[in-house]
Amino acid sequence: MNRLITREHEIIRQTRIRLGLSQQQVATLISIQIRQYQRLEYGESDVQKLGMRAGLSLCIVLELDPYDLIFGAHPEMVEDLKRRRPAKGNLKKRHKS
């Protein structure tokens, strides 16, 4: 399997180690299988593919800010979302068919 070690994967791994937690402990705490967690940490799976509950649980267990974990390595995504969102008061107009 191809590994894509990104900033997110490295943050997760280093933080887990700094907190003195095993991969099994983290996986159990966020209610996923150990192998799923390992794929995440080893870069074989993308952080954004975790469900919202597991992703937020991971952030709580590892004391990470979800915003930083998801968008920290991709500031261009934040700017793109801000640019594309409708102006205040235009939500209904923009979403009408």
N, C-alpha and C. Protein backbone atom coordinates (compact mmCIF):
# COMPACT_ATOMS: atom_id res chain seq x y z
N MET A 1 0.84 -1.18 0.00
CA MET A 1 0.00 0.00 0.00
C MET A 1 0.88 1.24 0.00
N ASN A 2 0.47 2.24 -0.76
CA ASN A 2 1.21 3.50 -0.80
C ASN A 2 1.04 4.27 0.49
N ARG A 3 2.12 4.85 0.93
CA ARG A 3 2.07 5.68 2.13
C ARG A 3 2.23 7.13 1.73
N LEU A 4 1.42 7.96 2.30
CA LEU A 4 1.49 9.38 2.06
C LEU A 4 1.58 10.06 3.41
N ILE A 5 2.80 10.20 3.90
CA ILE A 5 2.99 10.82 5.20
C ILE A 5 2.83 12.33 5.03
N THR A 6 1.84 12.85 5.71
CA THR A 6 1.56 14.28 5.64
C THR A 6 1.76 14.89 7.01
N ARG A 7 1.61 16.16 7.05
CA ARG A 7 1.72 16.87 8.32
C ARG A 7 0.72 16.31 9.32
N GLU A 8 -0.50 16.02 8.88
CA GLU A 8 -1.53 15.51 9.78
C GLU A 8 -1.13 14.18 10.39
N HIS A 9 -0.63 13.28 9.56
CA HIS A 9 -0.24 11.96 10.05
C HIS A 9 0.89 12.07 11.07
N GLU A 10 1.83 12.94 10.77
CA GLU A 10 2.97 13.12 11.67
C GLU A 10 2.54 13.76 12.99
N ILE A 11 1.63 14.72 12.92
CA ILE A 11 1.11 15.35 14.14
C ILE A 11 0.44 14.30 15.02
N ILE A 12 -0.37 13.46 14.43
CA ILE A 12 -1.09 12.43 15.19
C ILE A 12 -0.10 11.50 15.87
N ARG A 13 0.87 11.02 15.12
CA ARG A 13 1.85 10.07 15.65
C ARG A 13 2.67 10.70 16.79
N GLN A 14 3.23 11.88 16.51
CA GLN A 14 4.08 12.53 17.51
C GLN A 14 3.30 12.90 18.77
N THR A 15 2.07 13.33 18.61
CA THR A 15 1.27 13.70 19.77
C THR A 15 0.94 12.48 20.61
N ARG A 16 0.58 11.39 19.97
CA ARG A 16 0.28 10.14 20.69
C ARG A 16 1.49 9.71 21.51
N ILE A 17 2.66 9.75 20.90
CA ILE A 17 3.88 9.35 21.59
C ILE A 17 4.18 10.30 22.75
N ARG A 18 4.03 11.60 22.51
CA ARG A 18 4.28 12.59 23.57
C ARG A 18 3.37 12.38 24.77
N LEU A 19 2.12 11.97 24.51
CA LEU A 19 1.17 11.74 25.59
C LEU A 19 1.34 10.37 26.25
N GLY A 20 2.24 9.55 25.70
CA GLY A 20 2.50 8.24 26.29
C GLY A 20 1.39 7.23 26.06
N LEU A 21 0.67 7.38 24.95
CA LEU A 21 -0.42 6.46 24.63
C LEU A 21 0.02 5.47 23.56
N SER A 22 -0.50 4.27 23.64
CA SER A 22 -0.23 3.28 22.59
C SER A 22 -1.26 3.46 21.47
N GLN A 23 -0.95 2.90 20.32
CA GLN A 23 -1.90 2.93 19.23
C GLN A 23 -3.20 2.24 19.63
N GLN A 24 -3.09 1.14 20.35
CA GLN A 24 -4.27 0.40 20.79
C GLN A 24 -5.13 1.25 21.71
N GLN A 25 -4.49 1.98 22.62
CA GLN A 25 -5.25 2.83 23.54
C GLN A 25 -6.04 3.90 22.78
N VAL A 26 -5.39 4.55 21.84
CA VAL A 26 -6.07 5.59 21.07
C VAL A 26 -7.21 4.99 20.26
N ALA A 27 -6.94 3.88 19.58
CA ALA A 27 -7.98 3.24 18.78
C ALA A 27 -9.19 2.88 19.64
N THR A 28 -8.94 2.32 20.80
CA THR A 28 -10.03 1.94 21.70
C THR A 28 -10.81 3.17 22.16
N LEU A 29 -10.10 4.21 22.54
CA LEU A 29 -10.75 5.43 23.03
C LEU A 29 -11.61 6.11 21.97
N ILE A 30 -11.22 6.01 20.70
CA ILE A 30 -12.01 6.67 19.66
C ILE A 30 -12.92 5.68 18.92
N SER A 31 -12.98 4.46 19.43
CA SER A 31 -13.92 3.43 18.93
C SER A 31 -13.69 3.04 17.48
N ILE A 32 -12.41 2.82 17.13
CA ILE A 32 -12.09 2.26 15.82
C ILE A 32 -11.16 1.07 16.03
N GLN A 33 -11.01 0.26 15.00
CA GLN A 33 -10.12 -0.90 15.06
C GLN A 33 -8.66 -0.43 15.05
N ILE A 34 -7.80 -1.20 15.70
CA ILE A 34 -6.38 -0.86 15.77
C ILE A 34 -5.78 -0.69 14.37
N ARG A 35 -6.13 -1.58 13.46
CA ARG A 35 -5.57 -1.52 12.11
C ARG A 35 -6.01 -0.24 11.39
N GLN A 36 -7.24 0.19 11.62
CA GLN A 36 -7.71 1.44 11.01
C GLN A 36 -6.89 2.62 11.55
N TYR A 37 -6.62 2.60 12.85
CA TYR A 37 -5.81 3.67 13.43
C TYR A 37 -4.38 3.63 12.88
N GLN A 38 -3.81 2.44 12.78
CA GLN A 38 -2.46 2.31 12.25
C GLN A 38 -2.37 2.84 10.82
N ARG A 39 -3.35 2.51 10.00
CA ARG A 39 -3.36 3.02 8.61
C ARG A 39 -3.39 4.54 8.60
N LEU A 40 -4.12 5.11 9.53
CA LEU A 40 -4.19 6.56 9.64
C LEU A 40 -2.82 7.14 10.02
N GLU A 41 -2.23 6.58 11.04
CA GLU A 41 -0.96 7.09 11.54
C GLU A 41 0.19 6.84 10.57
N TYR A 42 0.15 5.74 9.84
CA TYR A 42 1.22 5.40 8.90
C TYR A 42 1.06 6.07 7.54
N GLY A 43 -0.02 6.83 7.37
CA GLY A 43 -0.22 7.53 6.10
C GLY A 43 -0.85 6.67 5.03
N GLU A 44 -1.41 5.54 5.40
CA GLU A 44 -2.08 4.66 4.44
C GLU A 44 -3.55 5.04 4.27
N SER A 45 -4.04 5.90 5.14
CA SER A 45 -5.42 6.37 5.09
C SER A 45 -5.43 7.85 5.42
N ASP A 46 -6.35 8.57 4.84
CA ASP A 46 -6.42 10.01 5.02
C ASP A 46 -7.22 10.37 6.26
N VAL A 47 -6.76 11.36 6.98
CA VAL A 47 -7.43 11.83 8.20
C VAL A 47 -8.87 12.22 7.89
N GLN A 48 -9.09 12.84 6.74
CA GLN A 48 -10.42 13.30 6.39
C GLN A 48 -11.40 12.17 6.10
N LYS A 49 -10.91 10.94 6.00
CA LYS A 49 -11.80 9.81 5.77
C LYS A 49 -12.38 9.25 7.07
N LEU A 50 -11.88 9.72 8.20
CA LEU A 50 -12.47 9.33 9.48
C LEU A 50 -13.86 9.94 9.57
N GLY A 51 -14.77 9.27 10.21
CA GLY A 51 -16.07 9.86 10.45
C GLY A 51 -15.93 11.05 11.40
N MET A 52 -16.94 11.88 11.42
CA MET A 52 -16.88 13.07 12.27
C MET A 52 -16.70 12.71 13.74
N ARG A 53 -17.43 11.71 14.20
CA ARG A 53 -17.34 11.33 15.61
C ARG A 53 -15.94 10.83 15.95
N ALA A 54 -15.40 9.95 15.12
CA ALA A 54 -14.06 9.42 15.38
C ALA A 54 -13.01 10.52 15.26
N GLY A 55 -13.19 11.40 14.28
CA GLY A 55 -12.24 12.50 14.10
C GLY A 55 -12.22 13.46 15.28
N LEU A 56 -13.41 13.82 15.76
CA LEU A 56 -13.47 14.71 16.92
C LEU A 56 -12.98 14.00 18.18
N SER A 57 -13.30 12.71 18.29
CA SER A 57 -12.80 11.94 19.44
C SER A 57 -11.28 11.89 19.43
N LEU A 58 -10.70 11.70 18.25
CA LEU A 58 -9.25 11.68 18.12
C LEU A 58 -8.66 13.00 18.61
N CYS A 59 -9.27 14.10 18.21
CA CYS A 59 -8.78 15.41 18.64
C CYS A 59 -8.89 15.58 20.15
N ILE A 60 -9.96 15.08 20.75
CA ILE A 60 -10.12 15.19 22.20
C ILE A 60 -9.06 14.35 22.91
N VAL A 61 -8.91 13.10 22.48
CA VAL A 61 -7.95 12.19 23.12
C VAL A 61 -6.52 12.72 23.00
N LEU A 62 -6.19 13.24 21.83
CA LEU A 62 -4.82 13.72 21.60
C LEU A 62 -4.65 15.22 21.91
N GLU A 63 -5.71 15.83 22.42
CA GLU A 63 -5.66 17.25 22.80
C GLU A 63 -5.25 18.13 21.62
N LEU A 64 -5.86 17.87 20.47
CA LEU A 64 -5.58 18.63 19.26
C LEU A 64 -6.77 19.49 18.89
N ASP A 65 -6.52 20.62 18.27
CA ASP A 65 -7.58 21.46 17.75
C ASP A 65 -8.02 20.88 16.40
N PRO A 66 -9.29 20.51 16.24
CA PRO A 66 -9.75 19.93 14.98
C PRO A 66 -9.46 20.83 13.78
N TYR A 67 -9.62 22.11 13.95
CA TYR A 67 -9.36 23.06 12.87
C TYR A 67 -7.91 22.96 12.40
N ASP A 68 -6.99 22.94 13.35
CA ASP A 68 -5.57 22.85 13.01
C ASP A 68 -5.24 21.52 12.35
N LEU A 69 -5.84 20.45 12.83
CA LEU A 69 -5.55 19.13 12.26
C LEU A 69 -6.03 19.04 10.81
N ILE A 70 -7.22 19.52 10.54
CA ILE A 70 -7.78 19.39 9.20
C ILE A 70 -7.26 20.46 8.25
N PHE A 71 -7.25 21.71 8.68
CA PHE A 71 -6.90 22.80 7.78
C PHE A 71 -5.49 23.35 7.97
N GLY A 72 -4.81 22.95 9.03
CA GLY A 72 -3.50 23.50 9.32
C GLY A 72 -2.50 23.36 8.19
N ALA A 73 -2.53 22.23 7.51
CA ALA A 73 -1.59 22.00 6.41
C ALA A 73 -2.15 22.50 5.08
N HIS A 74 -3.38 22.99 5.10
CA HIS A 74 -4.03 23.41 3.85
C HIS A 74 -4.69 24.77 3.99
N PRO A 75 -3.92 25.81 4.28
CA PRO A 75 -4.53 27.14 4.45
C PRO A 75 -5.26 27.61 3.20
N GLU A 76 -4.85 27.10 2.04
CA GLU A 76 -5.52 27.50 0.80
C GLU A 76 -6.97 27.01 0.78
N MET A 77 -7.25 25.88 1.45
CA MET A 77 -8.63 25.38 1.52
C MET A 77 -9.50 26.35 2.31
N VAL A 78 -8.97 26.88 3.38
CA VAL A 78 -9.72 27.83 4.21
C VAL A 78 -10.04 29.07 3.40
N GLU A 79 -9.06 29.60 2.70
CA GLU A 79 -9.28 30.80 1.90
C GLU A 79 -10.28 30.53 0.78
N ASP A 80 -10.21 29.36 0.17
CA ASP A 80 -11.16 29.01 -0.89
C ASP A 80 -12.58 28.93 -0.35
N LEU A 81 -12.75 28.31 0.81
CA LEU A 81 -14.09 28.22 1.41
C LEU A 81 -14.63 29.60 1.76
N LYS A 82 -13.79 30.45 2.30
CA LYS A 82 -14.23 31.80 2.65
C LYS A 82 -14.63 32.57 1.39
N ARG A 83 -13.88 32.40 0.33
CA ARG A 83 -14.14 33.12 -0.91
C ARG A 83 -15.45 32.66 -1.55
N ARG A 84 -15.74 31.36 -1.47
CA ARG A 84 -16.92 30.80 -2.14
C ARG A 84 -18.20 30.89 -1.33
N ARG A 85 -18.10 31.13 -0.03
CA ARG A 85 -19.33 31.15 0.76
C ARG A 85 -20.16 32.38 0.38
N PRO A 86 -21.48 32.23 0.48
CA PRO A 86 -22.35 33.37 0.14
C PRO A 86 -22.20 34.49 1.17
N ALA A 87 -22.47 35.69 0.72
CA ALA A 87 -22.44 36.83 1.63
C ALA A 87 -23.58 36.70 2.63
N LYS A 88 -23.43 37.33 3.78
CA LYS A 88 -24.49 37.29 4.79
C LYS A 88 -25.79 37.78 4.18
N GLY A 89 -26.87 37.07 4.48
CA GLY A 89 -28.18 37.45 3.97
C GLY A 89 -28.49 36.90 2.60
N ASN A 90 -27.52 36.29 1.94
CA ASN A 90 -27.73 35.76 0.59
C ASN A 90 -27.84 34.24 0.55
N LEU A 91 -27.94 33.60 1.69
CA LEU A 91 -27.99 32.14 1.70
C LEU A 91 -29.20 31.61 0.96
N LYS A 92 -30.38 32.15 1.22
CA LYS A 92 -31.59 31.65 0.58
C LYS A 92 -31.56 31.91 -0.91
N LYS A 93 -31.13 33.09 -1.31
CA LYS A 93 -31.10 33.44 -2.73
C LYS A 93 -30.16 32.52 -3.50
N ARG A 94 -29.03 32.24 -2.93
CA ARG A 94 -28.01 31.48 -3.63
C ARG A 94 -28.37 30.00 -3.76
N HIS A 95 -29.15 29.47 -2.82
CA HIS A 95 -29.46 28.05 -2.84
C HIS A 95 -30.81 27.73 -3.46
N LYS A 96 -31.52 28.73 -3.99
CA LYS A 96 -32.79 28.46 -4.65
C LYS A 96 -32.53 27.80 -5.99
N SER A 97 -33.43 26.91 -6.37
CA SER A 97 -33.28 26.25 -7.68
C SER A 97 -34.03 27.01 -8.74
